[in-house]
Amino acid sequence: MAEIRAEIVANVWKVTAQPGDTVAAGDTLLILESMKMEIPVLVEDPGTIVDILVNEGDVVQEGDLLAVVE
């Protein structure tokens, strides 16, 4: 299982995937917004999304767990 964590303090602007979705390397899971910049959070390895732990509008801190991919 791969844990996907926030690399910066940001707002969750858009969630583009849901648990159960099959994803490929490079797919966008969600988009963070910080200082008026959109930062896509990408999947590094292919798999299935087990859980998305944030919602649109949430504020995340650096290191927060965003999603789990199996």
PDB file of N, CA and C in Angstrom:
ATOM      1  N   MET A   1       0.834  -1.184   0.000  1.00  0.00           N
ATOM      2  CA  MET A   1       0.000   0.000   0.000  1.00  0.00           C
ATOM      3  C   MET A   1       0.876   1.244   0.000  1.00  0.00           C
ATOM      4  N   ALA A   2       0.418   2.231  -0.719  1.00  0.00           N
ATOM      5  CA  ALA A   2       1.144   3.502  -0.796  1.00  0.00           C
ATOM      6  C   ALA A   2       0.318   4.584  -0.104  1.00  0.00           C
ATOM      7  N   GLU A   3       0.971   5.323   0.776  1.00  0.00           N
ATOM      8  CA  GLU A   3       0.330   6.465   1.434  1.00  0.00           C
ATOM      9  C   GLU A   3       0.727   7.724   0.691  1.00  0.00           C
ATOM     10  N   ILE A   4      -0.257   8.529   0.338  1.00  0.00           N
ATOM     11  CA  ILE A   4       0.009   9.778  -0.361  1.00  0.00           C
ATOM     12  C   ILE A   4      -0.197  10.905   0.640  1.00  0.00           C
ATOM     13  N   ARG A   5       0.855  11.700   0.825  1.00  0.00           N
ATOM     14  CA  ARG A   5       0.848  12.744   1.850  1.00  0.00           C
ATOM     15  C   ARG A   5       1.012  14.128   1.214  1.00  0.00           C
ATOM     16  N   ALA A   6       0.528  15.132   1.920  1.00  0.00           N
ATOM     17  CA  ALA A   6       0.663  16.522   1.474  1.00  0.00           C
ATOM     18  C   ALA A   6       2.126  16.949   1.589  1.00  0.00           C
ATOM     19  N   GLU A   7       2.603  17.616   0.574  1.00  0.00           N
ATOM     20  CA  GLU A   7       3.983  18.112   0.589  1.00  0.00           C
ATOM     21  C   GLU A   7       4.068  19.554   1.072  1.00  0.00           C
ATOM     22  N   ILE A   8       2.905  20.226   1.150  1.00  0.00           N
ATOM     23  CA  ILE A   8       2.872  21.627   1.571  1.00  0.00           C
ATOM     24  C   ILE A   8       1.591  21.891   2.368  1.00  0.00           C
ATOM     25  N   VAL A   9       1.539  23.009   3.047  1.00  0.00           N
ATOM     26  CA  VAL A   9       0.303  23.482   3.674  1.00  0.00           C
ATOM     27  C   VAL A   9      -0.559  24.055   2.557  1.00  0.00           C
ATOM     28  N   ALA A  10      -1.806  23.586   2.464  1.00  0.00           N
ATOM     29  CA  ALA A  10      -2.653  24.015   1.347  1.00  0.00           C
ATOM     30  C   ALA A  10      -4.117  23.729   1.652  1.00  0.00           C
ATOM     31  N   ASN A  11      -4.982  24.263   0.795  1.00  0.00           N
ATOM     32  CA  ASN A  11      -6.405  23.935   0.806  1.00  0.00           C
ATOM     33  C   ASN A  11      -6.650  22.848  -0.222  1.00  0.00           C
ATOM     34  N   VAL A  12      -7.566  21.936   0.086  1.00  0.00           N
ATOM     35  CA  VAL A  12      -7.975  20.936  -0.904  1.00  0.00           C
ATOM     36  C   VAL A  12      -8.968  21.640  -1.817  1.00  0.00           C
ATOM     37  N   TRP A  13      -8.556  21.876  -3.058  1.00  0.00           N
ATOM     38  CA  TRP A  13      -9.397  22.619  -3.999  1.00  0.00           C
ATOM     39  C   TRP A  13     -10.379  21.695  -4.698  1.00  0.00           C
ATOM     40  N   LYS A  14      -9.889  20.525  -5.162  1.00  0.00           N
ATOM     41  CA  LYS A  14     -10.762  19.609  -5.897  1.00  0.00           C
ATOM     42  C   LYS A  14     -10.294  18.177  -5.705  1.00  0.00           C
ATOM     43  N   VAL A  15     -11.234  17.278  -5.441  1.00  0.00           N
ATOM     44  CA  VAL A  15     -10.947  15.846  -5.358  1.00  0.00           C
ATOM     45  C   VAL A  15     -11.402  15.239  -6.682  1.00  0.00           C
ATOM     46  N   THR A  16     -10.467  14.595  -7.405  1.00  0.00           N
ATOM     47  CA  THR A  16     -10.777  14.104  -8.753  1.00  0.00           C
ATOM     48  C   THR A  16     -10.913  12.592  -8.837  1.00  0.00           C
ATOM     49  N   ALA A  17     -10.723  11.885  -7.721  1.00  0.00           N
ATOM     50  CA  ALA A  17     -10.830  10.431  -7.718  1.00  0.00           C
ATOM     51  C   ALA A  17     -11.606   9.993  -6.483  1.00  0.00           C
ATOM     52  N   GLN A  18     -12.101   8.769  -6.529  1.00  0.00           N
ATOM     53  CA  GLN A  18     -12.898   8.232  -5.425  1.00  0.00           C
ATOM     54  C   GLN A  18     -12.388   6.850  -5.039  1.00  0.00           C
ATOM     55  N   PRO A  19     -12.643   6.416  -3.796  1.00  0.00           N
ATOM     56  CA  PRO A  19     -12.260   5.057  -3.406  1.00  0.00           C
ATOM     57  C   PRO A  19     -12.856   4.042  -4.377  1.00  0.00           C
ATOM     58  N   GLY A  20     -12.045   3.052  -4.717  1.00  0.00           N
ATOM     59  CA  GLY A  20     -12.468   2.027  -5.673  1.00  0.00           C
ATOM     60  C   GLY A  20     -11.999   2.299  -7.083  1.00  0.00           C
ATOM     61  N   ASP A  21     -11.615   3.543  -7.384  1.00  0.00           N
ATOM     62  CA  ASP A  21     -11.118   3.874  -8.726  1.00  0.00           C
ATOM     63  C   ASP A  21      -9.769   3.202  -8.964  1.00  0.00           C
ATOM     64  N   THR A  22      -9.566   2.726 -10.177  1.00  0.00           N
ATOM     65  CA  THR A  22      -8.264   2.218 -10.593  1.00  0.00           C
ATOM     66  C   THR A  22      -7.494   3.386 -11.182  1.00  0.00           C
ATOM     67  N   VAL A  23      -6.236   3.537 -10.755  1.00  0.00           N
ATOM     68  CA  VAL A  23      -5.427   4.670 -11.205  1.00  0.00           C
ATOM     69  C   VAL A  23      -4.108   4.181 -11.798  1.00  0.00           C
ATOM     70  N   ALA A  24      -3.573   4.954 -12.711  1.00  0.00           N
ATOM     71  CA  ALA A  24      -2.271   4.672 -13.330  1.00  0.00           C
ATOM     72  C   ALA A  24      -1.251   5.669 -12.794  1.00  0.00           C
ATOM     73  N   ALA A  25       0.004   5.337 -12.928  1.00  0.00           N
ATOM     74  CA  ALA A  25       1.067   6.257 -12.517  1.00  0.00           C
ATOM     75  C   ALA A  25       0.887   7.572 -13.263  1.00  0.00           C
ATOM     76  N   GLY A  26       0.933   8.680 -12.536  1.00  0.00           N
ATOM     77  CA  GLY A  26       0.782   9.991 -13.142  1.00  0.00           C
ATOM     78  C   GLY A  26      -0.628  10.548 -13.121  1.00  0.00           C
ATOM     79  N   ASP A  27      -1.624   9.725 -12.726  1.00  0.00           N
ATOM     80  CA  ASP A  27      -3.000  10.221 -12.627  1.00  0.00           C
ATOM     81  C   ASP A  27      -3.107  11.216 -11.469  1.00  0.00           C
ATOM     82  N   THR A  28      -4.004  12.179 -11.611  1.00  0.00           N
ATOM     83  CA  THR A  28      -4.241  13.179 -10.572  1.00  0.00           C
ATOM     84  C   THR A  28      -5.304  12.669  -9.599  1.00  0.00           C
ATOM     85  N   LEU A  29      -4.961  12.642  -8.301  1.00  0.00           N
ATOM     86  CA  LEU A  29      -5.923  12.242  -7.269  1.00  0.00           C
ATOM     87  C   LEU A  29      -6.737  13.435  -6.784  1.00  0.00           C
ATOM     88  N   LEU A  30      -6.039  14.531  -6.561  1.00  0.00           N
ATOM     89  CA  LEU A  30      -6.710  15.737  -6.096  1.00  0.00           C
ATOM     90  C   LEU A  30      -5.840  16.936  -6.414  1.00  0.00           C
ATOM     91  N   ILE A  31      -6.418  18.110  -6.253  1.00  0.00           N
ATOM     92  CA  ILE A  31      -5.688  19.341  -6.535  1.00  0.00           C
ATOM     93  C   ILE A  31      -5.696  20.198  -5.283  1.00  0.00           C
ATOM     94  N   LEU A  32      -4.506  20.588  -4.865  1.00  0.00           N
ATOM     95  CA  LEU A  32      -4.354  21.481  -3.722  1.00  0.00           C
ATOM     96  C   LEU A  32      -4.189  22.906  -4.230  1.00  0.00           C
ATOM     97  N   GLU A  33      -4.541  23.868  -3.390  1.00  0.00           N
ATOM     98  CA  GLU A  33      -4.384  25.287  -3.736  1.00  0.00           C
ATOM     99  C   GLU A  33      -3.613  25.957  -2.619  1.00  0.00           C
ATOM    100  N   SER A  34      -2.551  26.639  -3.008  1.00  0.00           N
ATOM    101  CA  SER A  34      -1.753  27.384  -2.048  1.00  0.00           C
ATOM    102  C   SER A  34      -1.242  28.646  -2.717  1.00  0.00           C
ATOM    103  N   MET A  35      -1.490  29.765  -2.091  1.00  0.00           N
ATOM    104  CA  MET A  35      -1.043  31.057  -2.608  1.00  0.00           C
ATOM    105  C   MET A  35      -1.471  31.274  -4.063  1.00  0.00           C
ATOM    106  N   LYS A  36      -2.741  30.938  -4.343  1.00  0.00           N
ATOM    107  CA  LYS A  36      -3.355  31.127  -5.666  1.00  0.00           C
ATOM    108  C   LYS A  36      -2.771  30.196  -6.736  1.00  0.00           C
ATOM    109  N   MET A  37      -1.997  29.185  -6.337  1.00  0.00           N
ATOM    110  CA  MET A  37      -1.441  28.225  -7.286  1.00  0.00           C
ATOM    111  C   MET A  37      -2.129  26.879  -7.093  1.00  0.00           C
ATOM    112  N   GLU A  38      -2.451  26.216  -8.199  1.00  0.00           N
ATOM    113  CA  GLU A  38      -3.030  24.879  -8.149  1.00  0.00           C
ATOM    114  C   GLU A  38      -1.899  23.860  -8.227  1.00  0.00           C
ATOM    115  N   ILE A  39      -1.885  22.926  -7.277  1.00  0.00           N
ATOM    116  CA  ILE A  39      -0.831  21.917  -7.221  1.00  0.00           C
ATOM    117  C   ILE A  39      -1.479  20.535  -7.312  1.00  0.00           C
ATOM    118  N   PRO A  40      -1.314  19.833  -8.445  1.00  0.00           N
ATOM    119  CA  PRO A  40      -1.906  18.499  -8.548  1.00  0.00           C
ATOM    120  C   PRO A  40      -1.137  17.495  -7.691  1.00  0.00           C
ATOM    121  N   VAL A  41      -1.877  16.587  -7.054  1.00  0.00           N
ATOM    122  CA  VAL A  41      -1.281  15.488  -6.290  1.00  0.00           C
ATOM    123  C   VAL A  41      -1.428  14.256  -7.168  1.00  0.00           C
ATOM    124  N   LEU A  42      -0.292  13.694  -7.590  1.00  0.00           N
ATOM    125  CA  LEU A  42      -0.280  12.604  -8.556  1.00  0.00           C
ATOM    126  C   LEU A  42      -0.002  11.253  -7.904  1.00  0.00           C
ATOM    127  N   VAL A  43      -0.488  10.201  -8.557  1.00  0.00           N
ATOM    128  CA  VAL A  43      -0.213   8.828  -8.142  1.00  0.00           C
ATOM    129  C   VAL A  43       1.150   8.437  -8.708  1.00  0.00           C
ATOM    130  N   GLU A  44       2.005   7.848  -7.871  1.00  0.00           N
ATOM    131  CA  GLU A  44       3.327   7.424  -8.342  1.00  0.00           C
ATOM    132  C   GLU A  44       3.309   6.031  -8.949  1.00  0.00           C
ATOM    133  N   ASP A  45       2.497   5.126  -8.385  1.00  0.00           N
ATOM    134  CA  ASP A  45       2.419   3.746  -8.866  1.00  0.00           C
ATOM    135  C   ASP A  45       0.972   3.387  -9.161  1.00  0.00           C
ATOM    136  N   PRO A  46       0.728   2.548 -10.170  1.00  0.00           N
ATOM    137  CA  PRO A  46      -0.652   2.151 -10.479  1.00  0.00           C
ATOM    138  C   PRO A  46      -1.266   1.347  -9.338  1.00  0.00           C
ATOM    139  N   GLY A  47      -2.589   1.378  -9.249  1.00  0.00           N
ATOM    140  CA  GLY A  47      -3.279   0.609  -8.219  1.00  0.00           C
ATOM    141  C   GLY A  47      -4.734   1.004  -8.113  1.00  0.00           C
ATOM    142  N   THR A  48      -5.317   0.681  -6.959  1.00  0.00           N
ATOM    143  CA  THR A  48      -6.713   1.000  -6.678  1.00  0.00           C
ATOM    144  C   THR A  48      -6.756   1.893  -5.444  1.00  0.00           C
ATOM    145  N   ILE A  49      -7.569   2.926  -5.511  1.00  0.00           N
ATOM    146  CA  ILE A  49      -7.697   3.839  -4.372  1.00  0.00           C
ATOM    147  C   ILE A  49      -8.475   3.132  -3.271  1.00  0.00           C
ATOM    148  N   VAL A  50      -7.857   3.013  -2.099  1.00  0.00           N
ATOM    149  CA  VAL A  50      -8.499   2.406  -0.940  1.00  0.00           C
ATOM    150  C   VAL A  50      -9.307   3.453  -0.193  1.00  0.00           C
ATOM    151  N   ASP A  51      -8.729   4.643  -0.010  1.00  0.00           N
ATOM    152  CA  ASP A  51      -9.414   5.676   0.755  1.00  0.00           C
ATOM    153  C   ASP A  51      -8.885   7.060   0.383  1.00  0.00           C
ATOM    154  N   ILE A  52      -9.785   8.030   0.341  1.00  0.00           N
ATOM    155  CA  ILE A  52      -9.430   9.449   0.221  1.00  0.00           C
ATOM    156  C   ILE A  52      -9.805  10.046   1.577  1.00  0.00           C
ATOM    157  N   LEU A  53      -8.831  10.619   2.265  1.00  0.00           N
ATOM    158  CA  LEU A  53      -9.037  11.042   3.647  1.00  0.00           C
ATOM    159  C   LEU A  53      -9.311  12.541   3.804  1.00  0.00           C
ATOM    160  N   VAL A  54      -9.485  13.252   2.702  1.00  0.00           N
ATOM    161  CA  VAL A  54      -9.767  14.688   2.760  1.00  0.00           C
ATOM    162  C   VAL A  54     -10.981  15.007   1.891  1.00  0.00           C
ATOM    163  N   ASN A  55     -11.561  16.155   2.144  1.00  0.00           N
ATOM    164  CA  ASN A  55     -12.698  16.641   1.364  1.00  0.00           C
ATOM    165  C   ASN A  55     -12.359  18.007   0.779  1.00  0.00           C
ATOM    166  N   GLU A  56     -13.067  18.368  -0.277  1.00  0.00           N
ATOM    167  CA  GLU A  56     -12.870  19.691  -0.857  1.00  0.00           C
ATOM    168  C   GLU A  56     -13.124  20.743   0.213  1.00  0.00           C
ATOM    169  N   GLY A  57     -12.216  21.719   0.297  1.00  0.00           N
ATOM    170  CA  GLY A  57     -12.331  22.784   1.275  1.00  0.00           C
ATOM    171  C   GLY A  57     -11.509  22.554   2.539  1.00  0.00           C
ATOM    172  N   ASP A  58     -11.040  21.321   2.752  1.00  0.00           N
ATOM    173  CA  ASP A  58     -10.202  21.041   3.922  1.00  0.00           C
ATOM    174  C   ASP A  58      -8.862  21.759   3.800  1.00  0.00           C
ATOM    175  N   VAL A  59      -8.275  22.080   4.948  1.00  0.00           N
ATOM    176  CA  VAL A  59      -6.918  22.624   4.995  1.00  0.00           C
ATOM    177  C   VAL A  59      -6.014  21.493   5.465  1.00  0.00           C
ATOM    178  N   VAL A  60      -4.924  21.238   4.713  1.00  0.00           N
ATOM    179  CA  VAL A  60      -3.986  20.176   5.079  1.00  0.00           C
ATOM    180  C   VAL A  60      -2.634  20.785   5.433  1.00  0.00           C
ATOM    181  N   GLN A  61      -1.948  20.097   6.316  1.00  0.00           N
ATOM    182  CA  GLN A  61      -0.607  20.503   6.735  1.00  0.00           C
ATOM    183  C   GLN A  61       0.409  19.611   6.044  1.00  0.00           C
ATOM    184  N   GLU A  62       1.635  20.075   5.951  1.00  0.00           N
ATOM    185  CA  GLU A  62       2.698  19.264   5.368  1.00  0.00           C
ATOM    186  C   GLU A  62       2.786  17.935   6.117  1.00  0.00           C
ATOM    187  N   GLY A  63       2.764  16.833   5.367  1.00  0.00           N
ATOM    188  CA  GLY A  63       2.857  15.501   5.947  1.00  0.00           C
ATOM    189  C   GLY A  63       1.540  14.834   6.241  1.00  0.00           C
ATOM    190  N   ASP A  64       0.428  15.568   6.131  1.00  0.00           N
ATOM    191  CA  ASP A  64      -0.889  14.961   6.370  1.00  0.00           C
ATOM    192  C   ASP A  64      -1.174  13.870   5.340  1.00  0.00           C
ATOM    193  N   LEU A  65      -1.787  12.792   5.799  1.00  0.00           N
ATOM    194  CA  LEU A  65      -2.177  11.690   4.913  1.00  0.00           C
ATOM    195  C   LEU A  65      -3.404  12.109   4.098  1.00  0.00           C
ATOM    196  N   LEU A  66      -3.285  12.051   2.777  1.00  0.00           N
ATOM    197  CA  LEU A  66      -4.364  12.447   1.881  1.00  0.00           C
ATOM    198  C   LEU A  66      -5.141  11.261   1.358  1.00  0.00           C
ATOM    199  N   ALA A  67      -4.415  10.199   0.978  1.00  0.00           N
ATOM    200  CA  ALA A  67      -5.056   9.051   0.349  1.00  0.00           C
ATOM    201  C   ALA A  67      -4.190   7.812   0.507  1.00  0.00           C
ATOM    202  N   VAL A  68      -4.835   6.657   0.330  1.00  0.00           N
ATOM    203  CA  VAL A  68      -4.134   5.374   0.363  1.00  0.00           C
ATOM    204  C   VAL A  68      -4.454   4.643  -0.935  1.00  0.00           C
ATOM    205  N   VAL A  69      -3.400   4.163  -1.608  1.00  0.00           N
ATOM    206  CA  VAL A  69      -3.540   3.430  -2.872  1.00  0.00           C
ATOM    207  C   VAL A  69      -2.938   2.051  -2.688  1.00  0.00           C
ATOM    208  N   GLU A  70      -3.663   1.032  -3.144  1.00  0.00           N
ATOM    209  CA  GLU A  70      -3.202  -0.350  -3.002  1.00  0.00           C
ATOM    210  C   GLU A  70      -2.772  -0.901  -4.342  1.00  0.00           C
TER     211      GLU A  70
END
